[in-house]
N, C-alpha and C. Protein backbone atom coordinates (compact mmCIF):
# COMPACT_ATOMS: atom_id res chain seq x y z
N UNK A 1 83.96 98.20 86.57
CA UNK A 1 83.20 98.94 87.55
C UNK A 1 84.14 99.97 88.19
N UNK A 2 83.69 101.21 88.28
CA UNK A 2 84.45 102.25 88.93
C UNK A 2 84.08 102.29 90.41
N UNK A 3 85.11 102.38 91.25
CA UNK A 3 84.89 102.43 92.69
C UNK A 3 85.71 103.57 93.25
N UNK A 4 85.12 104.32 94.13
CA UNK A 4 85.82 105.39 94.82
C UNK A 4 85.76 105.10 96.30
N UNK A 5 86.90 105.14 96.95
CA UNK A 5 86.93 104.95 98.40
C UNK A 5 87.59 106.18 98.99
N UNK A 6 86.91 106.83 99.87
CA UNK A 6 87.45 108.03 100.50
C UNK A 6 87.22 107.98 101.99
N UNK A 7 88.12 108.58 102.72
CA UNK A 7 87.93 108.80 104.14
C UNK A 7 87.63 110.29 104.28
N UNK A 8 86.44 110.59 104.75
CA UNK A 8 86.02 111.99 104.84
C UNK A 8 85.65 112.33 106.28
N UNK A 9 85.72 113.61 106.56
CA UNK A 9 85.33 114.07 107.90
C UNK A 9 83.84 114.37 107.91
N UNK A 10 83.21 114.03 109.02
CA UNK A 10 81.80 114.32 109.21
C UNK A 10 81.70 115.68 109.89
N UNK A 11 80.92 116.57 109.29
CA UNK A 11 80.75 117.91 109.88
C UNK A 11 79.26 118.21 109.95
N UNK A 12 78.79 118.49 111.13
CA UNK A 12 77.36 118.77 111.35
C UNK A 12 76.49 117.64 110.82
N UNK A 13 76.91 116.42 111.07
CA UNK A 13 76.18 115.23 110.65
C UNK A 13 76.00 115.16 109.13
N UNK A 14 76.97 115.71 108.38
CA UNK A 14 76.89 115.69 106.91
C UNK A 14 78.23 115.24 106.34
N UNK A 15 78.14 114.59 105.20
CA UNK A 15 79.32 114.18 104.44
C UNK A 15 79.11 114.66 103.01
N UNK A 16 80.16 115.26 102.44
CA UNK A 16 80.09 115.71 101.05
C UNK A 16 81.15 114.95 100.26
N UNK A 17 80.71 114.34 99.17
CA UNK A 17 81.62 113.59 98.30
C UNK A 17 81.51 114.17 96.89
N UNK A 18 82.60 114.72 96.40
CA UNK A 18 82.63 115.23 95.03
C UNK A 18 83.08 114.11 94.11
N UNK A 19 82.29 113.86 93.08
CA UNK A 19 82.60 112.80 92.13
C UNK A 19 83.34 113.37 90.93
N UNK A 20 84.30 112.62 90.40
CA UNK A 20 84.98 113.05 89.18
C UNK A 20 83.98 113.17 88.03
N UNK A 21 84.22 114.11 87.13
CA UNK A 21 83.29 114.33 86.02
C UNK A 21 83.23 113.15 85.05
N UNK A 22 84.30 112.35 85.00
CA UNK A 22 84.31 111.24 84.04
C UNK A 22 83.48 110.04 84.51
N UNK A 23 82.96 110.09 85.72
CA UNK A 23 82.10 109.00 86.19
C UNK A 23 80.66 109.35 85.82
N UNK A 24 80.08 108.50 84.99
CA UNK A 24 78.72 108.75 84.53
C UNK A 24 77.82 107.58 84.91
N UNK A 25 76.95 107.82 85.87
CA UNK A 25 75.96 106.83 86.26
C UNK A 25 74.81 107.55 86.93
N UNK A 26 73.67 106.87 86.98
CA UNK A 26 72.46 107.48 87.53
C UNK A 26 72.27 107.18 89.01
N UNK A 27 72.78 106.05 89.47
CA UNK A 27 72.62 105.65 90.86
C UNK A 27 73.96 105.17 91.40
N UNK A 28 74.14 105.30 92.71
CA UNK A 28 75.35 104.81 93.36
C UNK A 28 74.99 104.28 94.75
N UNK A 29 75.71 103.28 95.18
CA UNK A 29 75.52 102.75 96.52
C UNK A 29 76.51 103.44 97.45
N UNK A 30 76.02 103.92 98.56
CA UNK A 30 76.87 104.59 99.55
C UNK A 30 76.83 103.77 100.83
N UNK A 31 77.99 103.40 101.30
CA UNK A 31 78.09 102.64 102.55
C UNK A 31 78.86 103.53 103.53
N UNK A 32 78.27 103.80 104.67
CA UNK A 32 78.92 104.64 105.68
C UNK A 32 79.35 103.74 106.83
N UNK A 33 80.62 103.79 107.13
CA UNK A 33 81.19 102.95 108.17
C UNK A 33 82.04 103.83 109.08
N UNK A 34 81.80 103.78 110.38
CA UNK A 34 82.62 104.60 111.28
C UNK A 34 84.09 104.18 111.19
N UNK A 35 84.95 105.14 111.29
CA UNK A 35 86.37 104.88 111.24
C UNK A 35 86.88 104.79 112.67
N UNK A 36 87.28 103.62 113.07
CA UNK A 36 87.66 103.39 114.46
C UNK A 36 89.14 103.65 114.72
N UNK A 37 89.95 103.56 113.68
CA UNK A 37 91.39 103.66 113.87
C UNK A 37 91.87 105.04 113.43
N UNK A 38 92.42 105.81 114.33
CA UNK A 38 92.86 107.15 114.00
C UNK A 38 94.09 107.14 113.10
N UNK A 39 94.75 106.00 112.96
CA UNK A 39 95.92 105.93 112.08
C UNK A 39 95.51 106.04 110.62
N UNK A 40 94.21 105.99 110.34
CA UNK A 40 93.76 106.11 108.96
C UNK A 40 93.96 107.54 108.44
N UNK A 41 94.23 108.48 109.34
CA UNK A 41 94.52 109.84 108.91
C UNK A 41 95.91 109.92 108.28
N UNK A 42 96.62 108.82 108.29
CA UNK A 42 97.96 108.76 107.73
C UNK A 42 97.91 109.07 106.24
N UNK A 43 98.73 110.02 105.81
CA UNK A 43 98.76 110.44 104.41
C UNK A 43 99.99 109.82 103.75
N UNK A 44 99.77 108.73 103.01
CA UNK A 44 100.87 108.01 102.39
C UNK A 44 101.63 108.89 101.40
N UNK A 45 100.91 109.68 100.64
CA UNK A 45 101.56 110.53 99.64
C UNK A 45 102.51 111.52 100.32
N UNK A 46 102.04 112.17 101.37
CA UNK A 46 102.88 113.13 102.09
C UNK A 46 104.09 112.42 102.70
N UNK A 47 103.87 111.23 103.25
CA UNK A 47 104.96 110.45 103.83
C UNK A 47 106.03 110.15 102.79
N UNK A 48 105.60 109.71 101.60
CA UNK A 48 106.56 109.36 100.55
C UNK A 48 107.29 110.59 100.02
N UNK A 49 106.59 111.71 99.93
CA UNK A 49 107.22 112.92 99.43
C UNK A 49 108.26 113.47 100.40
N UNK A 50 108.12 113.17 101.69
CA UNK A 50 109.10 113.61 102.68
C UNK A 50 110.31 112.69 102.73
N UNK A 51 110.23 111.54 102.08
CA UNK A 51 111.29 110.54 102.14
C UNK A 51 112.55 110.97 101.42
N UNK A 52 113.60 110.20 101.59
CA UNK A 52 114.87 110.54 100.93
C UNK A 52 114.75 110.42 99.42
N UNK A 53 115.54 111.22 98.74
CA UNK A 53 115.57 111.21 97.29
C UNK A 53 116.97 110.75 96.87
N UNK A 54 117.02 109.77 95.98
CA UNK A 54 118.30 109.26 95.51
C UNK A 54 118.83 110.14 94.40
N UNK A 55 120.13 110.39 94.45
CA UNK A 55 120.76 111.15 93.38
C UNK A 55 120.98 110.23 92.18
N UNK A 56 121.32 110.83 91.04
CA UNK A 56 121.61 110.04 89.85
C UNK A 56 122.76 109.08 90.08
N UNK A 57 123.78 109.52 90.82
CA UNK A 57 124.93 108.67 91.11
C UNK A 57 124.53 107.47 91.97
N UNK A 58 123.64 107.71 92.95
CA UNK A 58 123.19 106.61 93.81
C UNK A 58 122.37 105.60 93.01
N UNK A 59 121.52 106.08 92.13
CA UNK A 59 120.72 105.18 91.30
C UNK A 59 121.63 104.35 90.40
N UNK A 60 122.65 105.00 89.81
CA UNK A 60 123.59 104.28 88.96
C UNK A 60 124.34 103.22 89.76
N UNK A 61 124.74 103.56 90.98
CA UNK A 61 125.43 102.61 91.84
C UNK A 61 124.56 101.39 92.12
N UNK A 62 123.29 101.62 92.41
CA UNK A 62 122.37 100.51 92.68
C UNK A 62 122.23 99.63 91.45
N UNK A 63 122.10 100.25 90.27
CA UNK A 63 121.97 99.47 89.04
C UNK A 63 123.24 98.68 88.75
N UNK A 64 124.41 99.27 89.04
CA UNK A 64 125.68 98.55 88.83
C UNK A 64 125.77 97.33 89.74
N UNK A 65 125.39 97.50 91.00
CA UNK A 65 125.43 96.37 91.94
C UNK A 65 124.45 95.29 91.49
N UNK A 66 123.26 95.70 91.05
CA UNK A 66 122.27 94.73 90.57
C UNK A 66 122.82 93.95 89.39
N UNK A 67 123.50 94.66 88.49
CA UNK A 67 124.10 94.00 87.32
C UNK A 67 125.17 92.99 87.76
N UNK A 68 126.00 93.41 88.73
CA UNK A 68 127.04 92.51 89.24
C UNK A 68 126.42 91.25 89.86
N UNK A 69 125.35 91.41 90.62
CA UNK A 69 124.69 90.26 91.23
C UNK A 69 124.17 89.29 90.17
N UNK A 70 123.64 89.84 89.08
CA UNK A 70 123.11 88.98 88.02
C UNK A 70 124.21 88.17 87.35
N UNK A 71 125.43 88.67 87.39
CA UNK A 71 126.55 87.99 86.74
C UNK A 71 127.25 86.99 87.65
N UNK A 72 126.85 86.95 88.91
CA UNK A 72 127.48 86.00 89.83
C UNK A 72 127.20 84.58 89.38
N UNK A 73 128.19 83.73 89.63
CA UNK A 73 128.05 82.32 89.30
C UNK A 73 128.52 81.53 90.51
N UNK A 74 127.67 80.72 91.06
CA UNK A 74 128.01 79.97 92.28
C UNK A 74 129.18 79.00 92.04
N UNK A 75 129.37 78.57 90.82
CA UNK A 75 130.45 77.63 90.54
C UNK A 75 131.82 78.28 90.75
N UNK A 76 131.91 79.62 90.69
CA UNK A 76 133.18 80.31 90.91
C UNK A 76 133.64 80.22 92.35
N UNK A 77 132.72 80.01 93.27
CA UNK A 77 133.06 79.98 94.69
C UNK A 77 133.34 78.57 95.07
């Protein structure tokens, strides 16, 4: 079952939802629920894109440390 969930703005008591062309059906159920929490305007994609970016050297360092951890043996301590 294909499901689309969107948070849309109401303008002049109307909501417009554009459906992807690959969705083919004759009927759909629409449930309208007021959005009470303004934090829902939070854009996760934009937040993640603004985040720090690791360099190749930093990624290699993380992988090296992970490899070292996997090789640890508690009996050595």
